[in-house]
Amino acid sequence: MTASPTHRALARRAKLYVFAILIAALALGCHPANSARGVVDNFIDQYYVAINLKAAEPFCTGLALDKIHHEMQLTAGQKIDANTRKPVVHYKLKAQRDGTDHVVFLFRATIDVPDGGSFQRNWMITARKDSAAWKVSNFGEYE
């Protein structure tokens, strides 16, 4: 038994609606990579979520870059790989303060460690316009 042309048209239209809704949801949830928030989100993904200092490095400048390099020295020889129990990190923007050439973001993060419980931290991350690109210029965390 085959579907009638009307049923096929309705099914095709339904698929298009679902696709359009998914695209709209993704567009609303994403920030352009060349924006202050986009750079900060990329930094968070590499530094806090993936625990990949080398991948976080290109998003940084100034003091933030110094901190990354210092951590690289402290953790030299320590492997973060598929066998490492990485925490699950959720974060939410709590405040944003815009300046002329910088933006300060305050996030509240919940970190769930496998077999280790859960804890919360505040992250203060500053993005600064460095030439034509945004970079993370400083970051810190506190309870």
C-alpha atoms as a PDB file:
ATOM      1  CA  MET A   1       0.000   0.000   0.000  1.00  0.00           C
ATOM      2  CA  THR A   2       1.442   3.392  -0.944  1.00  0.00           C
ATOM      3  CA  ALA A   3       0.767   6.755   0.628  1.00  0.00           C
ATOM      4  CA  SER A   4      -1.441   9.132  -1.255  1.00  0.00           C
ATOM      5  CA  PRO A   5       0.077  12.315  -2.737  1.00  0.00           C
ATOM      6  CA  THR A   6      -1.694  14.333  -0.029  1.00  0.00           C
ATOM      7  CA  HIS A   7      -0.160  12.239   2.766  1.00  0.00           C
ATOM      8  CA  ARG A   8       3.303  12.503   1.192  1.00  0.00           C
ATOM      9  CA  ALA A   9       2.937  16.275   0.886  1.00  0.00           C
ATOM     10  CA  LEU A  10       1.816  16.564   4.511  1.00  0.00           C
ATOM     11  CA  ALA A  11       4.696  14.374   5.692  1.00  0.00           C
ATOM     12  CA  ARG A  12       7.181  16.445   3.676  1.00  0.00           C
ATOM     13  CA  ARG A  13       5.723  19.685   5.073  1.00  0.00           C
ATOM     14  CA  ALA A  14       5.907  18.322   8.639  1.00  0.00           C
ATOM     15  CA  LYS A  15       9.571  17.403   8.138  1.00  0.00           C
ATOM     16  CA  LEU A  16      10.293  20.908   6.840  1.00  0.00           C
ATOM     17  CA  TYR A  17       8.579  22.474   9.875  1.00  0.00           C
ATOM     18  CA  VAL A  18      10.576  20.314  12.274  1.00  0.00           C
ATOM     19  CA  PHE A  19      13.801  21.171  10.436  1.00  0.00           C
ATOM     20  CA  ALA A  20      12.977  24.905  10.512  1.00  0.00           C
ATOM     21  CA  ILE A  21      12.245  24.758  14.245  1.00  0.00           C
ATOM     22  CA  LEU A  22      15.545  22.970  14.931  1.00  0.00           C
ATOM     23  CA  ILE A  23      17.500  25.541  12.903  1.00  0.00           C
ATOM     24  CA  ALA A  24      15.775  28.415  14.705  1.00  0.00           C
ATOM     25  CA  ALA A  25      16.487  26.857  18.117  1.00  0.00           C
ATOM     26  CA  LEU A  26      20.154  26.399  17.252  1.00  0.00           C
ATOM     27  CA  ALA A  27      20.449  29.950  15.951  1.00  0.00           C
ATOM     28  CA  LEU A  28      18.932  31.418  19.109  1.00  0.00           C
ATOM     29  CA  GLY A  29      21.214  29.389  21.384  1.00  0.00           C
ATOM     30  CA  CYS A  30      24.475  30.121  19.603  1.00  0.00           C
ATOM     31  CA  HIS A  31      26.663  33.187  19.711  1.00  0.00           C
ATOM     32  CA  PRO A  32      28.863  34.203  16.788  1.00  0.00           C
ATOM     33  CA  ALA A  33      32.409  32.896  17.258  1.00  0.00           C
ATOM     34  CA  ASN A  34      33.829  36.402  16.718  1.00  0.00           C
ATOM     35  CA  SER A  35      31.717  37.946  19.501  1.00  0.00           C
ATOM     36  CA  ALA A  36      32.800  38.375  23.116  1.00  0.00           C
ATOM     37  CA  ARG A  37      30.296  35.747  24.286  1.00  0.00           C
ATOM     38  CA  GLY A  38      31.209  33.363  21.464  1.00  0.00           C
ATOM     39  CA  VAL A  39      34.896  33.484  22.396  1.00  0.00           C
ATOM     40  CA  VAL A  40      34.086  33.023  26.080  1.00  0.00           C
ATOM     41  CA  ASP A  41      31.828  30.030  25.317  1.00  0.00           C
ATOM     42  CA  ASN A  42      34.596  28.459  23.200  1.00  0.00           C
ATOM     43  CA  PHE A  43      37.089  29.079  26.004  1.00  0.00           C
ATOM     44  CA  ILE A  44      34.745  27.469  28.574  1.00  0.00           C
ATOM     45  CA  ASP A  45      34.202  24.467  26.313  1.00  0.00           C
ATOM     46  CA  GLN A  46      37.939  23.843  25.998  1.00  0.00           C
ATOM     47  CA  TYR A  47      39.182  24.906  29.434  1.00  0.00           C
ATOM     48  CA  TYR A  48      36.440  23.754  31.804  1.00  0.00           C
ATOM     49  CA  VAL A  49      34.539  21.099  29.844  1.00  0.00           C
ATOM     50  CA  ALA A  50      37.151  19.343  27.671  1.00  0.00           C
ATOM     51  CA  ILE A  51      40.024  20.130  30.086  1.00  0.00           C
ATOM     52  CA  ASN A  52      42.223  20.908  27.090  1.00  0.00           C
ATOM     53  CA  LEU A  53      44.636  23.736  27.879  1.00  0.00           C
ATOM     54  CA  LYS A  54      46.242  23.644  24.430  1.00  0.00           C
ATOM     55  CA  ALA A  55      42.837  24.059  22.757  1.00  0.00           C
ATOM     56  CA  ALA A  56      41.906  26.907  25.153  1.00  0.00           C
ATOM     57  CA  GLU A  57      45.150  28.781  24.414  1.00  0.00           C
ATOM     58  CA  PRO A  58      44.095  30.401  21.073  1.00  0.00           C
ATOM     59  CA  PHE A  59      41.114  32.065  22.764  1.00  0.00           C
ATOM     60  CA  CYS A  60      43.335  33.847  25.297  1.00  0.00           C
ATOM     61  CA  THR A  61      45.550  36.920  25.548  1.00  0.00           C
ATOM     62  CA  GLY A  62      47.385  38.779  28.319  1.00  0.00           C
ATOM     63  CA  LEU A  63      46.914  37.508  31.867  1.00  0.00           C
ATOM     64  CA  ALA A  64      44.603  34.694  30.755  1.00  0.00           C
ATOM     65  CA  LEU A  65      47.285  33.400  28.400  1.00  0.00           C
ATOM     66  CA  ASP A  66      49.863  33.632  31.207  1.00  0.00           C
ATOM     67  CA  LYS A  67      47.561  31.571  33.454  1.00  0.00           C
ATOM     68  CA  ILE A  68      47.118  28.930  30.742  1.00  0.00           C
ATOM     69  CA  HIS A  69      50.895  28.688  30.230  1.00  0.00           C
ATOM     70  CA  HIS A  70      51.469  28.420  33.991  1.00  0.00           C
ATOM     71  CA  GLU A  71      48.911  25.590  34.241  1.00  0.00           C
ATOM     72  CA  MET A  72      50.580  23.836  31.310  1.00  0.00           C
ATOM     73  CA  GLN A  73      53.861  23.888  33.260  1.00  0.00           C
ATOM     74  CA  LEU A  74      52.169  22.608  36.422  1.00  0.00           C
ATOM     75  CA  THR A  75      50.394  19.769  34.622  1.00  0.00           C
ATOM     76  CA  ALA A  76      53.193  18.765  32.228  1.00  0.00           C
ATOM     77  CA  GLY A  77      53.275  14.988  31.932  1.00  0.00           C
ATOM     78  CA  GLN A  78      49.702  14.538  33.184  1.00  0.00           C
ATOM     79  CA  LYS A  79      47.539  12.929  30.517  1.00  0.00           C
ATOM     80  CA  ILE A  80      43.905  13.831  30.006  1.00  0.00           C
ATOM     81  CA  ASP A  81      42.541  11.160  27.684  1.00  0.00           C
ATOM     82  CA  ALA A  82      39.522   8.900  27.141  1.00  0.00           C
ATOM     83  CA  ASN A  83      40.274   7.055  30.415  1.00  0.00           C
ATOM     84  CA  THR A  84      40.185  10.248  32.495  1.00  0.00           C
ATOM     85  CA  ARG A  85      36.994  10.715  34.493  1.00  0.00           C
ATOM     86  CA  LYS A  86      35.925  14.111  33.224  1.00  0.00           C
ATOM     87  CA  PRO A  87      33.252  16.021  35.079  1.00  0.00           C
ATOM     88  CA  VAL A  88      29.972  17.017  33.492  1.00  0.00           C
ATOM     89  CA  VAL A  89      29.816  20.808  33.489  1.00  0.00           C
ATOM     90  CA  HIS A  90      26.675  22.940  33.273  1.00  0.00           C
ATOM     91  CA  TYR A  91      26.872  26.709  33.366  1.00  0.00           C
ATOM     92  CA  LYS A  92      24.555  29.674  33.136  1.00  0.00           C
ATOM     93  CA  LEU A  93      25.237  33.361  32.577  1.00  0.00           C
ATOM     94  CA  LYS A  94      24.306  35.305  35.726  1.00  0.00           C
ATOM     95  CA  ALA A  95      25.549  38.804  34.828  1.00  0.00           C
ATOM     96  CA  GLN A  96      27.253  40.706  32.055  1.00  0.00           C
ATOM     97  CA  ARG A  97      28.944  44.096  32.256  1.00  0.00           C
ATOM     98  CA  ASP A  98      29.852  45.791  28.981  1.00  0.00           C
ATOM     99  CA  GLY A  99      32.731  48.239  28.679  1.00  0.00           C
ATOM    100  CA  THR A 100      34.044  50.120  25.669  1.00  0.00           C
ATOM    101  CA  ASP A 101      36.622  47.487  24.720  1.00  0.00           C
ATOM    102  CA  HIS A 102      35.833  44.644  27.113  1.00  0.00           C
ATOM    103  CA  VAL A 103      32.972  42.594  28.535  1.00  0.00           C
ATOM    104  CA  VAL A 104      32.937  40.913  31.949  1.00  0.00           C
ATOM    105  CA  PHE A 105      30.810  37.783  32.288  1.00  0.00           C
ATOM    106  CA  LEU A 106      29.774  36.094  35.523  1.00  0.00           C
ATOM    107  CA  PHE A 107      28.688  32.473  35.229  1.00  0.00           C
ATOM    108  CA  ARG A 108      27.363  30.006  37.802  1.00  0.00           C
ATOM    109  CA  ALA A 109      28.613  26.497  37.080  1.00  0.00           C
ATOM    110  CA  THR A 110      27.564  23.140  38.431  1.00  0.00           C
ATOM    111  CA  ILE A 111      30.250  20.483  38.130  1.00  0.00           C
ATOM    112  CA  ASP A 112      29.226  16.832  38.479  1.00  0.00           C
ATOM    113  CA  VAL A 113      32.192  14.526  39.054  1.00  0.00           C
ATOM    114  CA  PRO A 114      31.593  10.835  38.257  1.00  0.00           C
ATOM    115  CA  ASP A 115      31.552   8.963  41.573  1.00  0.00           C
ATOM    116  CA  GLY A 116      32.659  12.177  43.270  1.00  0.00           C
ATOM    117  CA  GLY A 117      29.582  14.274  43.843  1.00  0.00           C
ATOM    118  CA  SER A 118      28.649  17.711  42.658  1.00  0.00           C
ATOM    119  CA  PHE A 119      29.765  21.241  43.478  1.00  0.00           C
ATOM    120  CA  GLN A 120      29.193  24.785  42.265  1.00  0.00           C
ATOM    121  CA  ARG A 121      31.559  27.570  41.285  1.00  0.00           C
ATOM    122  CA  ASN A 122      31.302  31.102  40.000  1.00  0.00           C
ATOM    123  CA  TRP A 123      33.427  31.982  36.995  1.00  0.00           C
ATOM    124  CA  MET A 124      34.342  35.555  36.190  1.00  0.00           C
ATOM    125  CA  ILE A 125      35.664  35.793  32.647  1.00  0.00           C
ATOM    126  CA  THR A 126      36.726  38.983  30.889  1.00  0.00           C
ATOM    127  CA  ALA A 127      36.800  39.232  27.104  1.00  0.00           C
ATOM    128  CA  ARG A 128      38.749  42.075  25.528  1.00  0.00           C
ATOM    129  CA  LYS A 129      38.829  43.322  21.957  1.00  0.00           C
ATOM    130  CA  ASP A 130      42.371  42.486  20.791  1.00  0.00           C
ATOM    131  CA  SER A 131      42.896  44.160  17.398  1.00  0.00           C
ATOM    132  CA  ALA A 132      39.874  42.964  15.398  1.00  0.00           C
ATOM    133  CA  ALA A 133      39.224  39.819  17.461  1.00  0.00           C
ATOM    134  CA  TRP A 134      37.790  39.133  20.896  1.00  0.00           C
ATOM    135  CA  LYS A 135      39.997  37.185  23.326  1.00  0.00           C
ATOM    136  CA  VAL A 136      39.678  36.083  26.946  1.00  0.00           C
ATOM    137  CA  SER A 137      41.991  38.424  28.852  1.00  0.00           C
ATOM    138  CA  ASN A 138      41.383  37.136  32.383  1.00  0.00           C
ATOM    139  CA  PHE A 139      39.439  34.451  34.202  1.00  0.00           C
ATOM    140  CA  GLY A 140      38.987  33.215  37.715  1.00  0.00           C
ATOM    141  CA  GLU A 141      36.688  31.130  39.821  1.00  0.00           C
ATOM    142  CA  TYR A 142      35.363  31.271  43.337  1.00  0.00           C
ATOM    143  CA  GLU A 143      32.680  29.623  45.458  1.00  0.00           C
END
